[in-house]
Amino acid sequence: MGMNKKKVLFICTHNSARSQMAEGFLNAYYSDRYEGYSAGTEPKKINE
């Protein structure tokens, strides 16, 4: 029986930096246990 990954949603206002970084860190370091996603309540352009 395979292990089910928990899904984690990171939300910030614009989804332009913080939530995307959190998603990336989670997926980079813990992808064996979690699936990270990000979203924003008022999506804007990516903050470079």
N, C-alpha and C. Protein backbone atom coordinates (compact mmCIF):
# COMPACT_ATOMS: atom_id res chain seq x y z
N MET A 1 0.84 -1.18 0.00
CA MET A 1 0.00 0.00 0.00
C MET A 1 0.88 1.24 0.00
N GLY A 2 0.65 2.18 -0.93
CA GLY A 2 1.45 3.39 -1.04
C GLY A 2 1.06 4.42 0.01
N MET A 3 1.99 5.30 0.27
CA MET A 3 1.75 6.35 1.25
C MET A 3 1.05 7.53 0.57
N ASN A 4 -0.03 8.01 1.16
CA ASN A 4 -0.73 9.17 0.62
C ASN A 4 -0.05 10.44 1.08
N LYS A 5 0.27 11.31 0.13
CA LYS A 5 0.88 12.58 0.47
C LYS A 5 -0.19 13.55 0.95
N LYS A 6 0.15 14.31 1.98
CA LYS A 6 -0.75 15.36 2.45
C LYS A 6 -0.59 16.56 1.54
N LYS A 7 -1.68 17.24 1.25
CA LYS A 7 -1.66 18.43 0.41
C LYS A 7 -1.68 19.66 1.30
N VAL A 8 -0.79 20.62 0.99
CA VAL A 8 -0.67 21.84 1.78
C VAL A 8 -0.85 23.03 0.86
N LEU A 9 -1.72 23.96 1.23
CA LEU A 9 -1.96 25.16 0.46
C LEU A 9 -1.45 26.36 1.24
N PHE A 10 -0.52 27.11 0.64
CA PHE A 10 0.00 28.34 1.23
C PHE A 10 -0.72 29.50 0.55
N ILE A 11 -1.29 30.40 1.35
CA ILE A 11 -2.04 31.52 0.80
C ILE A 11 -1.45 32.83 1.32
N CYS A 12 -1.22 33.76 0.41
CA CYS A 12 -0.88 35.12 0.80
C CYS A 12 -1.71 36.05 -0.08
N THR A 13 -1.66 37.31 0.20
CA THR A 13 -2.55 38.25 -0.49
C THR A 13 -2.36 38.22 -2.01
N HIS A 14 -1.14 38.39 -2.49
CA HIS A 14 -0.92 38.52 -3.93
C HIS A 14 -0.34 37.29 -4.61
N ASN A 15 0.08 36.29 -3.87
CA ASN A 15 0.70 35.10 -4.44
C ASN A 15 1.84 35.49 -5.39
N SER A 16 2.65 36.46 -4.96
CA SER A 16 3.73 36.93 -5.81
C SER A 16 5.10 36.59 -5.26
N ALA A 17 5.19 36.11 -4.02
CA ALA A 17 6.51 35.80 -3.48
C ALA A 17 6.44 34.79 -2.33
N ARG A 18 5.91 35.19 -1.19
CA ARG A 18 6.00 34.36 0.02
C ARG A 18 5.37 32.99 -0.13
N SER A 19 4.13 32.94 -0.60
CA SER A 19 3.46 31.65 -0.69
C SER A 19 4.13 30.76 -1.74
N GLN A 20 4.65 31.36 -2.80
CA GLN A 20 5.35 30.56 -3.82
C GLN A 20 6.67 30.03 -3.29
N MET A 21 7.37 30.81 -2.46
CA MET A 21 8.61 30.32 -1.85
C MET A 21 8.31 29.19 -0.88
N ALA A 22 7.26 29.34 -0.09
CA ALA A 22 6.88 28.28 0.85
C ALA A 22 6.54 27.00 0.10
N GLU A 23 5.79 27.14 -0.98
CA GLU A 23 5.45 25.97 -1.81
C GLU A 23 6.72 25.31 -2.34
N GLY A 24 7.64 26.12 -2.84
CA GLY A 24 8.89 25.58 -3.39
C GLY A 24 9.73 24.87 -2.36
N PHE A 25 9.86 25.47 -1.17
CA PHE A 25 10.63 24.83 -0.10
C PHE A 25 10.01 23.50 0.32
N LEU A 26 8.70 23.49 0.50
CA LEU A 26 8.03 22.26 0.90
C LEU A 26 8.23 21.17 -0.15
N ASN A 27 8.03 21.52 -1.41
CA ASN A 27 8.19 20.53 -2.48
C ASN A 27 9.64 20.09 -2.65
N ALA A 28 10.59 20.99 -2.41
CA ALA A 28 12.00 20.65 -2.55
C ALA A 28 12.50 19.74 -1.42
N TYR A 29 12.06 20.02 -0.20
CA TYR A 29 12.60 19.29 0.95
C TYR A 29 11.74 18.14 1.45
N TYR A 30 10.44 18.19 1.19
CA TYR A 30 9.54 17.18 1.75
C TYR A 30 8.58 16.58 0.73
N SER A 31 8.97 16.54 -0.53
CA SER A 31 8.07 16.04 -1.58
C SER A 31 7.73 14.56 -1.41
N ASP A 32 8.47 13.86 -0.57
CA ASP A 32 8.15 12.46 -0.32
C ASP A 32 6.91 12.32 0.57
N ARG A 33 6.57 13.39 1.32
CA ARG A 33 5.43 13.33 2.24
C ARG A 33 4.32 14.33 1.94
N TYR A 34 4.66 15.43 1.23
CA TYR A 34 3.70 16.51 1.02
C TYR A 34 3.66 16.98 -0.43
N GLU A 35 2.54 17.56 -0.82
CA GLU A 35 2.39 18.25 -2.10
C GLU A 35 2.03 19.70 -1.77
N GLY A 36 2.93 20.62 -2.11
CA GLY A 36 2.69 22.02 -1.80
C GLY A 36 2.05 22.76 -2.96
N TYR A 37 1.17 23.70 -2.64
CA TYR A 37 0.51 24.55 -3.62
C TYR A 37 0.48 25.97 -3.05
N SER A 38 0.35 26.96 -3.93
CA SER A 38 0.23 28.33 -3.45
C SER A 38 -0.91 29.02 -4.18
N ALA A 39 -1.45 30.04 -3.52
CA ALA A 39 -2.56 30.81 -4.10
C ALA A 39 -2.58 32.18 -3.46
N GLY A 40 -3.32 33.09 -4.07
CA GLY A 40 -3.47 34.43 -3.53
C GLY A 40 -4.92 34.86 -3.56
N THR A 41 -5.27 35.73 -2.63
CA THR A 41 -6.64 36.24 -2.61
C THR A 41 -6.84 37.33 -3.65
N GLU A 42 -5.73 38.00 -4.02
CA GLU A 42 -5.74 39.02 -5.07
C GLU A 42 -4.50 38.81 -5.94
N PRO A 43 -4.47 37.76 -6.78
CA PRO A 43 -3.26 37.42 -7.54
C PRO A 43 -2.73 38.61 -8.35
N LYS A 44 -1.41 38.76 -8.32
CA LYS A 44 -0.70 39.82 -9.06
C LYS A 44 0.48 39.21 -9.81
N LYS A 45 1.22 40.06 -10.49
CA LYS A 45 2.44 39.65 -11.19
C LYS A 45 3.47 39.15 -10.19
N ILE A 46 4.30 38.21 -10.60
CA ILE A 46 5.36 37.66 -9.75
C ILE A 46 6.34 38.76 -9.35
N ASN A 47 6.71 38.79 -8.08
CA ASN A 47 7.68 39.76 -7.58
C ASN A 47 9.08 39.18 -7.81
N GLU A 48 9.78 39.72 -8.77
CA GLU A 48 11.13 39.21 -9.10
C GLU A 48 12.12 39.65 -8.08
